[in-house]
Amino acid sequence: MFDHFYRFEQRFHWIEGEKDEHTGLRSRYRLNMRIPLNNSSMQDKTYYLDARGEIFLPHDDEIQELHTSRMQFGVILGYRRNVKWRYFISGYFDTGWNTLDDTRTVNRYILEFTARAMF
């Protein structure tokens, strides 16, 4: 199963030492692939694996931020208990560019555990 989304964002930035805030526009696009592991489809008591990639692109050259333009790749191992409850572990690799001098400056590894309930 594939899903994707596109979001157009207006972001607000407060920079230490400056009186005014900065705003900027950014697009982000994510493509996700979900693979059920122990069932043929997503249903109750299903383990699943997600592979995703997301790109963030600024529309303003004046954004004074290091992480405005970046790419993120991730893998998620999850368990759908039922319609209301999901548990998953997410691992991401995140790389970014400094928009001021157009150099790669950020590499991060992110690990998250999430319990999600929908009521």
Protein backbone atom coordinates (compact mmCIF):
# COMPACT_ATOMS: atom_id res chain seq x y z
CA MET A 1 0.00 0.00 0.00
CA PHE A 2 1.34 3.43 -0.95
CA ASP A 3 0.26 6.81 0.34
CA HIS A 4 1.61 10.31 -0.08
CA PHE A 5 0.89 13.85 0.95
CA TYR A 6 1.92 17.36 -0.01
CA ARG A 7 1.80 20.26 2.41
CA PHE A 8 2.39 23.97 1.76
CA GLU A 9 3.50 25.61 5.03
CA GLN A 10 4.03 29.09 6.34
CA ARG A 11 6.68 28.94 9.05
CA PHE A 12 7.51 31.46 11.76
CA HIS A 13 11.08 31.83 13.03
CA TRP A 14 12.37 33.62 16.09
CA ILE A 15 16.11 34.18 15.93
CA GLU A 16 17.97 34.87 19.14
CA GLY A 17 19.31 38.41 19.24
CA GLU A 18 16.85 39.82 16.71
CA LYS A 19 13.72 41.78 17.57
CA ASP A 20 11.59 40.78 14.60
CA GLU A 21 10.32 37.36 13.65
CA HIS A 22 10.87 35.92 10.18
CA THR A 23 8.30 34.06 8.15
CA GLY A 24 8.87 31.72 5.27
CA LEU A 25 7.00 29.42 2.92
CA ARG A 26 7.97 25.79 2.47
CA SER A 27 6.66 22.76 0.59
CA ARG A 28 6.98 19.24 1.90
CA TYR A 29 6.19 16.01 0.14
CA ARG A 30 6.15 12.53 1.67
CA LEU A 31 5.89 9.15 -0.03
CA ASN A 32 5.17 6.13 2.19
CA MET A 33 4.99 2.40 1.48
CA ARG A 34 3.31 0.09 4.05
CA ILE A 35 3.78 -3.68 3.99
CA PRO A 36 1.66 -5.91 6.29
CA LEU A 37 3.93 -8.67 7.62
CA ASN A 38 1.65 -11.34 9.11
CA ASN A 39 -1.62 -10.69 7.25
CA SER A 40 -2.51 -10.00 3.64
CA SER A 41 -3.97 -6.57 4.53
CA MET A 42 -4.03 -4.08 7.41
CA GLN A 43 -6.45 -5.48 9.97
CA ASP A 44 -6.50 -6.11 13.72
CA LYS A 45 -3.41 -7.82 15.16
CA THR A 46 -1.21 -6.95 12.17
CA TYR A 47 2.52 -6.26 12.26
CA TYR A 48 3.66 -3.92 9.50
CA LEU A 49 6.70 -2.22 8.03
CA ASP A 50 6.73 1.31 6.58
CA ALA A 51 9.43 2.79 4.36
CA ARG A 52 9.17 6.52 3.75
CA GLY A 53 10.96 9.47 2.29
CA GLU A 54 10.16 13.14 2.76
CA ILE A 55 11.60 16.25 1.16
CA PHE A 56 11.31 19.83 2.46
CA LEU A 57 11.83 22.69 -0.02
CA PRO A 58 11.88 26.41 0.90
CA HIS A 59 10.20 29.00 -1.33
CA ASP A 60 11.89 32.05 0.21
CA ASP A 61 15.59 32.87 -0.03
CA GLU A 62 15.43 35.05 3.06
CA ILE A 63 14.78 32.32 5.66
CA GLN A 64 17.50 32.51 8.30
CA GLU A 65 17.33 28.87 9.35
CA LEU A 66 19.63 25.87 9.05
CA HIS A 67 16.98 23.15 8.63
CA THR A 68 14.57 24.63 6.11
CA SER A 69 15.75 22.55 3.16
CA ARG A 70 16.17 18.90 4.03
CA MET A 71 15.44 15.26 3.23
CA GLN A 72 14.33 12.59 5.66
CA PHE A 73 14.30 8.81 5.18
CA GLY A 74 12.69 6.44 7.65
CA VAL A 75 11.69 2.90 8.51
CA ILE A 76 8.83 2.08 10.87
CA LEU A 77 8.07 -1.25 12.49
CA GLY A 78 4.54 -1.25 13.86
CA TYR A 79 1.74 -3.28 15.34
CA ARG A 80 -1.95 -2.50 14.78
CA ARG A 81 -3.75 -3.93 17.79
CA ASN A 82 -7.17 -2.80 16.59
CA VAL A 83 -8.83 0.19 14.91
CA LYS A 84 -8.09 2.43 17.93
CA TRP A 85 -4.59 1.33 19.03
CA ARG A 86 -1.25 1.21 17.18
CA TYR A 87 2.29 0.86 18.54
CA PHE A 88 5.38 1.54 16.46
CA ILE A 89 9.10 2.18 16.54
CA SER A 90 10.39 4.72 14.02
CA GLY A 91 13.96 5.22 12.87
CA TYR A 92 14.86 8.21 10.70
CA PHE A 93 17.94 9.57 8.98
CA ASP A 94 17.63 13.30 8.45
CA THR A 95 19.98 15.45 6.36
CA GLY A 96 19.71 19.20 5.82
CA TRP A 97 21.27 22.20 4.13
CA ASN A 98 22.22 25.58 5.46
CA THR A 99 20.13 27.97 3.38
CA LEU A 100 22.55 30.84 4.07
CA ASP A 101 25.64 29.37 2.36
CA ASP A 102 24.10 26.33 0.60
CA THR A 103 26.15 23.66 2.38
CA ARG A 104 25.14 20.40 4.01
CA THR A 105 25.31 21.01 7.76
CA VAL A 106 22.94 18.62 9.50
CA ASN A 107 22.90 14.84 9.78
CA ARG A 108 20.66 13.36 12.46
CA TYR A 109 19.56 9.89 13.46
CA ILE A 110 16.18 9.85 15.20
CA LEU A 111 14.60 6.92 17.05
CA GLU A 112 11.02 7.17 18.39
CA PHE A 113 8.59 4.88 20.12
CA THR A 114 4.90 5.79 19.77
CA ALA A 115 1.66 4.45 21.21
CA ARG A 116 -1.26 5.97 19.27
CA ALA A 117 -4.89 5.87 20.32
CA MET A 118 -7.78 7.26 18.27
CA PHE A 119 -11.05 7.89 20.04
